[in-house]
Amino acid sequence: MIANRFTQRLIPLSLVILAVLLSACAARTPSPIRINELARYTVQVVVTCPDGEGSQGSGVIISPNGDVLTAYHVISQTVRQTGCRIQLGQSKDAETPPVLLYEARLLDRDPVMDVAVLRITSSRDGRPPTTPLPYAPMADALPPIGSQIQIMGFPGLTDQLLAYDQDTIISEGECQTAETCWILTEAFASWGSSGGPAFDAQGRVIGLATGSRVITWRGETHRLTAIRPLPPIRRLVDRALQQTASLKTEQQESASRPIRLWQVEVVGPQGVNWRTEPSTKRGLTTVKATLPKGTILDVIPPGNWQGWWATVDPMGEMGWMKERTASVTLLSPRTIEVSPQLTAGRDAIVTCLTQSPCAQVIYSPGYGGEEADATLGYLAGGDQVTILEGPVWVNELAWWRVQRGELDGWLPEITDQGYRLLLPVPELQP
């Protein structure tokens, strides 16, 4: 929602006079072709939080990788509250209501300048975008006072359609501080246009709509839209992209970092029965298979339970094996070091053999606060998730951001006890 961030002291009388005089110039009507082109770059930003609160605004895609600019106050709840969700809507043209197509996360922000950078992490089917996104170029310099600019944002006044208007720049600040860094125009910004883009005549981004001010001069009312101009925005974008590049480099360098993993090897001369439960009371009815000597399986939660080991095979099948009988040793437990096996964009299986959901999905890798604050939800053994990003290394563990339905958070590939928690879904052979 457009916020009133400009007080009377920031708009002196001389500026008001200048605004009224320059706004008398007739603004050309934008062509439908140009409007539809710019509409593909403009997104609706919808924030929903676990407590039922939320917000709505607009943004603009500025890179083929899905980097999005918006106003900080539109997404500020995601910083104050855990578990909030950022969704982005897009229209195919200016005459079509937006559809929520993407999930996004916060990359960087500047609360003083009221600017934030988001990154699209997945499409609505839970998978990362596989094709370059349409994006708006950023202008090299600001156009001079009197130049035509166009503002776009969601929603418009009817049917949630894209709102757009064109007018001239009537004043510019010097950008020495946040209070003096602005552009003023009488181009109309709808109530949901906070964070929406301002374009120059060539369709390049020159700023974001962040505030408004209604003034009266000689009996006439003038509504001025405040634009946060490009210079501070470009600094924030560059910083966010540098952080992303550094993270990617760190992830690539750490991709081969070893993780301690428990395994068991079948050493019984006749092999071992692999069962659906840690008991022999029901005889052969619980036997899934008889595994031959030399078989090696990863250990999964809950690990070793009263002499039985919970295990998973490479195909994601899970079961129990008894370590020894009264006279024969059946299994030889061991720990090895392995590299992360998951990949962003692929699916994985939650591996655990307990009677209840066992995998605690948290909002941040390695979160060390209260469990109630950290937990977004739980997953059970056999649940299939999509890997959105990772690995992120915290406390010597490789963490992955996973999604299953509405649940979106972080899990370690292998627990701190050395039990495998996530296994790649095997690729089907042709």
Protein backbone atom coordinates (compact mmCIF):
# COMPACT_ATOMS: atom_id res chain seq x y z
CA MET A 1 0.00 0.00 0.00
CA ILE A 2 1.35 3.45 -0.84
CA ALA A 3 2.70 4.99 2.33
CA ASN A 4 2.70 8.69 3.10
CA ARG A 5 6.44 9.10 3.68
CA PHE A 6 6.85 12.75 2.69
CA THR A 7 5.92 15.39 5.25
CA GLN A 8 5.06 19.00 4.52
CA ARG A 9 8.57 20.11 5.39
CA LEU A 10 9.90 18.04 2.47
CA ILE A 11 7.67 19.82 -0.06
CA PRO A 12 8.27 23.58 0.29
CA LEU A 13 5.99 26.15 -1.28
CA SER A 14 8.32 26.77 -4.23
CA LEU A 15 8.19 23.06 -5.06
CA VAL A 16 4.39 23.08 -4.90
CA ILE A 17 4.27 25.98 -7.38
CA LEU A 18 6.71 24.21 -9.66
CA ALA A 19 4.66 21.01 -9.46
CA VAL A 20 1.45 22.77 -10.47
CA LEU A 21 3.06 24.65 -13.35
CA LEU A 22 4.84 21.67 -14.86
CA SER A 23 1.94 19.27 -14.41
CA ALA A 24 -0.08 21.40 -16.80
CA CYS A 25 1.84 19.84 -19.67
CA ALA A 26 -0.31 17.21 -21.36
CA ALA A 27 1.03 13.67 -20.99
CA ARG A 28 0.92 11.46 -24.04
CA THR A 29 -1.18 8.33 -23.79
CA PRO A 30 1.08 5.23 -23.61
CA SER A 31 0.69 2.81 -26.52
CA PRO A 32 -0.97 -0.56 -25.77
CA ILE A 33 2.10 -2.38 -27.09
CA ARG A 34 4.41 -0.57 -24.66
CA ILE A 35 1.99 -1.06 -21.76
CA ASN A 36 1.79 -4.82 -22.35
CA GLU A 37 5.58 -5.02 -22.63
CA LEU A 38 6.08 -3.27 -19.29
CA ALA A 39 3.29 -5.33 -17.73
CA ARG A 40 5.36 -8.49 -18.20
CA TYR A 41 8.11 -7.00 -16.06
CA THR A 42 5.77 -5.78 -13.30
CA VAL A 43 4.72 -8.18 -10.53
CA GLN A 44 2.22 -8.21 -7.72
CA VAL A 45 3.82 -8.88 -4.32
CA VAL A 46 1.65 -10.73 -1.78
CA VAL A 47 2.92 -11.48 1.75
CA THR A 48 1.06 -13.90 4.04
CA CYS A 49 2.17 -14.80 7.57
CA PRO A 50 1.23 -17.57 10.03
CA ASP A 51 -0.66 -15.16 12.30
CA GLY A 52 -3.01 -14.25 9.47
CA GLU A 53 -1.47 -10.85 8.84
CA GLY A 54 -0.20 -9.88 5.42
CA SER A 55 0.49 -7.11 2.98
CA GLN A 56 0.34 -6.42 -0.72
CA GLY A 57 2.28 -4.25 -3.12
CA SER A 58 4.12 -4.34 -6.40
CA GLY A 59 7.58 -4.95 -7.78
CA VAL A 60 9.59 -5.28 -10.97
CA ILE A 61 11.77 -8.12 -12.34
CA ILE A 62 15.26 -6.78 -13.10
CA SER A 63 17.24 -9.89 -14.10
CA PRO A 64 16.65 -13.13 -16.03
CA ASN A 65 17.51 -15.02 -12.82
CA GLY A 66 14.44 -13.61 -11.08
CA ASP A 67 15.77 -10.71 -9.02
CA VAL A 68 12.88 -8.41 -8.08
CA LEU A 69 12.80 -4.89 -6.67
CA THR A 70 10.03 -3.75 -4.33
CA ALA A 71 9.44 -1.35 -1.44
CA TYR A 72 10.74 -2.58 1.91
CA HIS A 73 7.54 -1.72 3.78
CA VAL A 74 5.66 -4.17 1.53
CA ILE A 75 7.68 -7.17 2.79
CA SER A 76 8.87 -5.89 6.19
CA GLN A 77 6.69 -8.46 8.00
CA THR A 78 8.96 -11.22 6.74
CA VAL A 79 11.77 -9.71 8.81
CA ARG A 80 9.68 -9.17 11.94
CA GLN A 81 7.94 -12.56 11.85
CA THR A 82 9.07 -16.06 10.95
CA GLY A 83 7.29 -18.32 8.51
CA CYS A 84 5.93 -15.59 6.24
CA ARG A 85 5.47 -16.39 2.57
CA ILE A 86 6.22 -14.09 -0.37
CA GLN A 87 4.31 -14.80 -3.58
CA LEU A 88 4.56 -12.93 -6.85
CA GLY A 89 1.76 -12.51 -9.37
CA GLN A 90 2.09 -11.64 -13.03
CA SER A 91 -0.23 -10.68 -15.88
CA LYS A 92 0.22 -11.71 -19.49
CA ASP A 93 -0.99 -8.23 -20.52
CA ALA A 94 -2.48 -5.08 -18.99
CA GLU A 95 -6.06 -6.30 -19.47
CA THR A 96 -5.63 -9.58 -17.55
CA PRO A 97 -5.73 -9.94 -13.74
CA PRO A 98 -2.48 -11.19 -12.21
CA VAL A 99 -1.99 -14.86 -11.31
CA LEU A 100 0.28 -15.88 -8.43
CA LEU A 101 3.05 -17.71 -10.28
CA TYR A 102 6.18 -17.56 -8.13
CA GLU A 103 7.56 -17.96 -4.62
CA ALA A 104 10.29 -15.55 -3.54
CA ARG A 105 12.59 -14.82 -0.63
CA LEU A 106 14.26 -11.68 0.67
CA LEU A 107 17.82 -11.15 -0.55
CA ASP A 108 18.63 -7.70 0.85
CA ARG A 109 16.93 -4.54 2.06
CA ASP A 110 17.46 -0.93 3.01
CA PRO A 111 14.67 0.11 5.45
CA VAL A 112 15.76 3.76 5.46
CA MET A 113 15.52 4.03 1.68
CA ASP A 114 12.44 1.73 1.73
CA VAL A 115 13.85 -0.61 -0.92
CA ALA A 116 14.18 -4.41 -0.93
CA VAL A 117 15.58 -7.02 -3.33
CA LEU A 118 13.78 -10.35 -3.68
CA ARG A 119 14.81 -13.52 -5.49
CA ILE A 120 12.32 -15.82 -7.21
CA THR A 121 13.03 -19.30 -5.86
CA SER A 122 10.36 -21.43 -7.50
CA SER A 123 7.31 -21.43 -9.72
CA ARG A 124 3.93 -22.40 -8.33
CA ASP A 125 4.61 -26.11 -8.97
CA GLY A 126 7.47 -25.92 -6.47
CA ARG A 127 10.29 -26.17 -8.98
CA PRO A 128 12.91 -23.51 -9.70
CA PRO A 129 12.26 -21.59 -12.95
CA THR A 130 14.09 -23.31 -15.79
CA THR A 131 13.87 -20.53 -18.38
CA PRO A 132 15.12 -16.93 -18.22
CA LEU A 133 12.44 -14.55 -16.98
CA PRO A 134 11.42 -11.37 -18.85
CA TYR A 135 13.09 -8.46 -17.09
CA ALA A 136 13.28 -4.70 -17.31
CA PRO A 137 16.65 -3.04 -17.91
CA MET A 138 17.80 -0.39 -15.46
CA ALA A 139 18.54 3.09 -16.77
CA ASP A 140 22.12 4.35 -16.76
CA ALA A 141 21.05 7.79 -15.52
CA LEU A 142 17.93 9.62 -14.37
CA PRO A 143 15.98 11.60 -16.98
CA PRO A 144 15.82 15.36 -16.42
CA ILE A 145 12.93 17.29 -14.92
CA GLY A 146 10.09 17.55 -17.43
CA SER A 147 10.73 14.08 -18.90
CA GLN A 148 7.87 11.65 -19.33
CA ILE A 149 7.79 8.68 -16.93
CA GLN A 150 5.30 5.88 -16.40
CA ILE A 151 4.26 4.20 -13.14
CA MET A 152 2.83 0.68 -12.98
CA GLY A 153 1.51 -1.45 -10.13
CA PHE A 154 -1.19 -3.73 -8.72
CA PRO A 155 -4.03 -3.56 -8.19
CA GLY A 156 -5.77 -0.97 -10.31
CA LEU A 157 -9.13 0.50 -9.48
CA THR A 158 -11.17 -2.31 -11.10
CA ASP A 159 -10.93 -6.10 -11.25
CA GLN A 160 -7.41 -6.19 -9.78
CA LEU A 161 -6.00 -5.16 -13.16
CA LEU A 162 -2.64 -3.51 -13.60
CA ALA A 163 -2.70 0.25 -12.93
CA TYR A 164 -0.58 2.52 -15.09
CA ASP A 165 -0.27 6.24 -15.64
CA GLN A 166 2.13 8.60 -17.38
CA ASP A 167 3.18 12.15 -16.55
CA THR A 168 6.29 14.29 -16.18
CA ILE A 169 9.00 14.49 -13.55
CA ILE A 170 8.34 17.74 -11.70
CA SER A 171 11.15 17.68 -9.15
CA GLU A 172 14.15 15.63 -8.02
CA GLY A 173 16.07 15.43 -4.77
CA GLU A 174 19.86 15.39 -4.55
CA CYS A 175 20.12 11.92 -2.91
CA GLN A 176 22.56 13.12 -0.26
CA THR A 177 20.37 11.42 2.40
CA ALA A 178 17.26 9.26 2.40
CA GLU A 179 15.14 12.34 3.08
CA THR A 180 16.47 14.16 0.01
CA CYS A 181 16.49 11.17 -2.37
CA TRP A 182 13.26 11.27 -4.35
CA ILE A 183 11.52 12.09 -7.62
CA LEU A 184 8.09 13.72 -7.64
CA THR A 185 5.48 13.33 -10.35
CA GLU A 186 1.74 13.68 -10.76
CA ALA A 187 1.56 10.29 -12.51
CA PHE A 188 -1.11 8.41 -10.56
CA ALA A 189 -0.06 5.46 -8.37
CA SER A 190 -2.88 3.19 -7.13
CA TRP A 191 -3.13 2.14 -3.50
CA GLY A 192 -1.29 -1.15 -4.16
CA SER A 193 1.53 0.34 -6.22
CA SER A 194 4.11 0.54 -3.43
CA GLY A 195 7.26 -0.92 -4.89
CA GLY A 196 5.91 -0.68 -8.41
CA PRO A 197 8.33 0.46 -11.13
CA ALA A 198 8.72 3.87 -12.68
CA PHE A 199 9.91 3.61 -16.30
CA ASP A 200 11.48 6.20 -18.56
CA ALA A 201 10.37 6.71 -22.15
CA GLN A 202 12.61 3.83 -23.31
CA GLY A 203 11.07 1.33 -20.85
CA ARG A 204 14.02 1.36 -18.45
CA VAL A 205 13.56 1.30 -14.68
CA ILE A 206 14.41 4.64 -13.05
CA GLY A 207 12.93 4.04 -9.59
CA LEU A 208 10.20 2.59 -7.37
CA ALA A 209 6.98 4.15 -6.13
CA THR A 210 7.28 4.38 -2.33
CA GLY A 211 5.10 7.29 -1.16
CA SER A 212 2.53 9.94 -1.98
CA ARG A 213 1.40 13.40 -0.92
CA VAL A 214 -1.86 15.23 -1.55
CA ILE A 215 -1.56 19.03 -1.72
CA THR A 216 -4.01 21.85 -2.46
CA TRP A 217 -2.93 24.91 -4.43
CA ARG A 218 -5.32 27.71 -5.36
CA GLY A 219 -8.32 25.51 -4.70
CA GLU A 220 -7.10 22.58 -6.79
CA THR A 221 -6.00 19.23 -5.34
CA HIS A 222 -2.80 17.65 -6.63
CA ARG A 223 -1.68 14.13 -5.72
CA LEU A 224 2.08 13.77 -6.06
CA THR A 225 3.70 10.33 -6.28
CA ALA A 226 7.09 9.94 -4.66
CA ILE A 227 9.62 7.76 -6.49
CA ARG A 228 12.74 6.35 -4.89
CA PRO A 229 15.23 6.92 -7.71
CA LEU A 230 17.86 4.66 -9.18
CA PRO A 231 21.16 5.58 -7.42
CA PRO A 232 20.44 3.99 -3.99
CA ILE A 233 18.52 1.16 -5.63
CA ARG A 234 21.45 0.26 -7.87
CA ARG A 235 23.78 0.16 -4.86
CA LEU A 236 21.46 -2.23 -3.07
CA VAL A 237 21.05 -4.44 -6.14
CA ASP A 238 24.81 -4.63 -6.67
CA ARG A 239 25.31 -5.56 -3.03
CA ALA A 240 22.63 -8.27 -3.15
CA LEU A 241 24.02 -9.76 -6.35
CA GLN A 242 27.54 -9.77 -4.89
CA GLN A 243 26.25 -11.60 -1.83
CA THR A 244 24.51 -14.14 -4.06
CA ALA A 245 27.66 -14.66 -6.11
CA SER A 246 29.71 -15.14 -2.93
CA LEU A 247 27.18 -17.64 -1.59
CA LYS A 248 27.25 -19.60 -4.86
CA THR A 249 31.05 -19.69 -4.78
CA GLU A 250 31.01 -20.87 -1.18
CA GLN A 251 28.44 -23.54 -2.00
CA GLN A 252 30.45 -24.74 -4.99
CA GLU A 253 33.62 -24.88 -2.91
CA SER A 254 31.84 -26.74 -0.12
CA ALA A 255 29.97 -29.17 -2.39
CA SER A 256 32.66 -31.78 -1.77
CA ARG A 257 32.94 -31.06 1.98
CA PRO A 258 32.50 -34.40 3.79
CA ILE A 259 29.63 -35.25 6.14
CA ARG A 260 29.80 -38.04 8.75
CA LEU A 261 27.28 -40.79 7.96
CA TRP A 262 26.36 -44.02 9.75
CA GLN A 263 26.09 -47.16 7.67
CA VAL A 264 25.66 -50.85 8.39
CA GLU A 265 27.17 -53.73 6.42
CA VAL A 266 25.59 -57.16 6.38
CA VAL A 267 28.18 -59.62 7.75
CA GLY A 268 25.96 -62.58 8.69
CA PRO A 269 26.98 -65.62 6.64
CA GLN A 270 23.35 -66.26 5.66
CA GLY A 271 22.53 -62.60 5.25
CA VAL A 272 19.88 -60.80 7.30
CA ASN A 273 16.12 -60.37 7.18
CA TRP A 274 15.03 -56.81 6.38
CA ARG A 275 11.76 -56.15 8.21
CA THR A 276 8.94 -53.63 8.40
CA GLU A 277 9.23 -53.46 12.20
CA PRO A 278 11.95 -53.94 14.84
CA SER A 279 10.65 -57.32 16.02
CA THR A 280 10.61 -61.00 15.07
CA LYS A 281 7.36 -61.79 16.90
CA ARG A 282 5.27 -61.97 13.73
CA GLY A 283 7.76 -64.15 11.94
CA LEU A 284 8.12 -64.01 8.17
CA THR A 285 5.05 -61.76 7.72
CA THR A 286 7.20 -58.69 8.46
CA VAL A 287 10.15 -59.67 6.23
CA LYS A 288 10.56 -57.33 3.24
CA ALA A 289 13.62 -59.09 1.85
CA THR A 290 16.64 -61.15 2.83
CA LEU A 291 19.75 -59.07 2.19
CA PRO A 292 22.93 -60.99 1.30
CA LYS A 293 26.27 -60.67 3.01
CA GLY A 294 28.15 -57.56 1.86
CA THR A 295 25.03 -55.35 1.47
CA ILE A 296 25.62 -51.81 2.77
CA LEU A 297 22.76 -49.47 3.72
CA ASP A 298 22.61 -45.97 5.20
CA VAL A 299 21.28 -45.57 8.72
CA ILE A 300 18.26 -43.29 9.18
CA PRO A 301 16.35 -41.94 12.21
CA PRO A 302 15.86 -43.23 14.84
CA GLY A 303 19.13 -45.08 14.19
CA ASN A 304 19.91 -47.86 16.68
CA TRP A 305 16.85 -48.88 18.70
CA GLN A 306 17.18 -51.79 21.16
CA GLY A 307 19.60 -53.67 18.91
CA TRP A 308 17.76 -52.90 15.65
CA TRP A 309 19.00 -50.48 12.98
CA ALA A 310 16.69 -48.29 10.87
CA THR A 311 18.05 -48.26 7.30
CA VAL A 312 17.31 -47.14 3.74
CA ASP A 313 18.46 -48.58 0.43
CA PRO A 314 19.48 -46.48 -2.62
CA MET A 315 15.93 -46.70 -4.04
CA GLY A 316 14.38 -45.10 -0.94
CA GLU A 317 12.98 -48.33 0.54
CA MET A 318 13.16 -48.31 4.34
CA GLY A 319 13.25 -51.09 6.92
CA TRP A 320 14.73 -52.57 10.10
CA MET A 321 17.63 -55.00 10.58
CA LYS A 322 18.68 -56.82 13.75
CA GLU A 323 22.35 -56.32 14.67
CA ARG A 324 22.94 -59.79 16.14
CA THR A 325 21.30 -62.94 17.40
CA ALA A 326 22.36 -64.88 20.48
CA SER A 327 25.08 -66.62 18.49
CA VAL A 328 25.69 -64.70 15.24
CA THR A 329 26.67 -61.11 14.43
CA LEU A 330 24.52 -59.98 11.50
CA LEU A 331 25.58 -56.36 11.00
CA SER A 332 28.74 -54.29 11.28
CA PRO A 333 27.99 -50.57 11.95
CA ARG A 334 30.50 -47.99 10.76
CA THR A 335 30.80 -44.26 10.06
CA ILE A 336 32.12 -42.89 6.77
CA GLU A 337 32.52 -39.44 5.26
CA VAL A 338 30.35 -38.61 2.24
CA SER A 339 29.72 -35.54 0.10
CA PRO A 340 26.24 -33.97 -0.31
CA GLN A 341 24.15 -35.98 -2.75
CA LEU A 342 21.20 -33.62 -3.28
CA THR A 343 20.72 -31.05 -6.05
CA ALA A 344 18.54 -27.95 -6.21
CA GLY A 345 15.61 -28.55 -8.52
CA ARG A 346 15.48 -32.31 -7.81
CA ASP A 347 13.13 -34.21 -5.51
CA ALA A 348 14.16 -36.03 -2.35
CA ILE A 349 12.60 -38.54 0.07
CA VAL A 350 12.40 -37.98 3.82
CA THR A 351 13.95 -41.09 5.38
CA CYS A 352 12.97 -42.06 8.91
CA LEU A 353 11.24 -45.00 10.60
CA THR A 354 9.27 -43.65 13.55
CA GLN A 355 5.63 -43.80 14.51
CA SER A 356 5.07 -40.08 13.94
CA PRO A 357 6.34 -37.21 11.77
CA CYS A 358 10.06 -37.07 12.40
CA ALA A 359 11.66 -34.30 10.32
CA GLN A 360 11.44 -30.83 11.84
CA VAL A 361 11.34 -28.19 9.09
CA ILE A 362 12.73 -24.89 10.34
CA TYR A 363 12.75 -21.41 8.87
CA SER A 364 16.52 -20.87 8.83
CA PRO A 365 19.48 -23.28 8.45
CA GLY A 366 20.81 -24.33 11.84
CA TYR A 367 18.44 -22.06 13.79
CA GLY A 368 19.51 -22.09 17.42
CA GLY A 369 16.55 -20.37 19.09
CA GLU A 370 13.52 -21.79 20.83
CA GLU A 371 12.05 -24.81 19.05
CA ALA A 372 8.59 -23.24 18.95
CA ASP A 373 10.02 -20.22 17.17
CA ALA A 374 12.04 -22.29 14.73
CA THR A 375 9.52 -24.91 13.65
CA LEU A 376 7.46 -24.39 10.52
CA GLY A 377 6.11 -27.94 10.42
CA TYR A 378 7.00 -31.62 10.33
CA LEU A 379 7.45 -34.28 7.66
CA ALA A 380 7.11 -38.05 7.94
CA GLY A 381 9.20 -40.85 6.54
CA GLY A 382 8.45 -41.40 2.87
CA ASP A 383 7.27 -37.85 2.23
CA GLN A 384 8.63 -36.49 -1.03
CA VAL A 385 9.94 -32.91 -1.15
CA THR A 386 11.40 -30.59 -3.79
CA ILE A 387 14.86 -29.18 -3.13
CA LEU A 388 14.69 -25.42 -3.74
CA GLU A 389 18.24 -24.40 -2.83
CA GLY A 390 21.38 -25.40 -0.96
CA PRO A 391 23.56 -26.65 0.44
CA VAL A 392 24.11 -24.06 3.17
CA TRP A 393 26.70 -25.22 5.69
CA VAL A 394 25.88 -24.55 9.35
CA ASN A 395 27.42 -26.43 12.29
CA GLU A 396 29.20 -28.80 9.87
CA LEU A 397 25.88 -29.92 8.38
CA ALA A 398 24.63 -29.46 4.82
CA TRP A 399 21.20 -27.78 4.95
CA TRP A 400 18.72 -27.73 2.07
CA ARG A 401 15.63 -25.62 1.56
CA VAL A 402 12.76 -28.00 0.83
CA GLN A 403 9.11 -27.61 -0.13
CA ARG A 404 6.13 -29.89 0.19
CA GLY A 405 2.79 -28.24 -0.49
CA GLU A 406 2.55 -25.09 1.64
CA LEU A 407 5.45 -26.15 3.87
CA ASP A 408 8.69 -24.40 2.88
CA GLY A 409 11.77 -24.49 5.11
CA TRP A 410 15.13 -26.10 5.84
CA LEU A 411 16.33 -29.63 6.65
CA PRO A 412 19.81 -31.15 6.99
CA GLU A 413 20.69 -33.88 4.52
CA ILE A 414 22.29 -35.87 7.34
CA THR A 415 21.56 -35.23 11.02
CA ASP A 416 24.15 -34.31 13.63
CA GLN A 417 23.96 -37.95 14.83
CA GLY A 418 25.05 -39.07 11.36
CA TYR A 419 21.66 -40.40 10.23
CA ARG A 420 20.55 -39.79 6.64
CA LEU A 421 17.39 -37.65 6.60
CA LEU A 422 17.08 -36.79 2.89
CA LEU A 423 17.77 -39.15 -0.01
CA PRO A 424 17.65 -38.16 -3.70
CA VAL A 425 14.69 -39.64 -5.55
CA PRO A 426 16.24 -42.27 -7.81
CA GLU A 427 16.13 -41.50 -11.52
CA LEU A 428 14.10 -44.04 -13.44
CA GLN A 429 16.11 -45.97 -15.97
CA PRO A 430 14.65 -46.04 -19.55
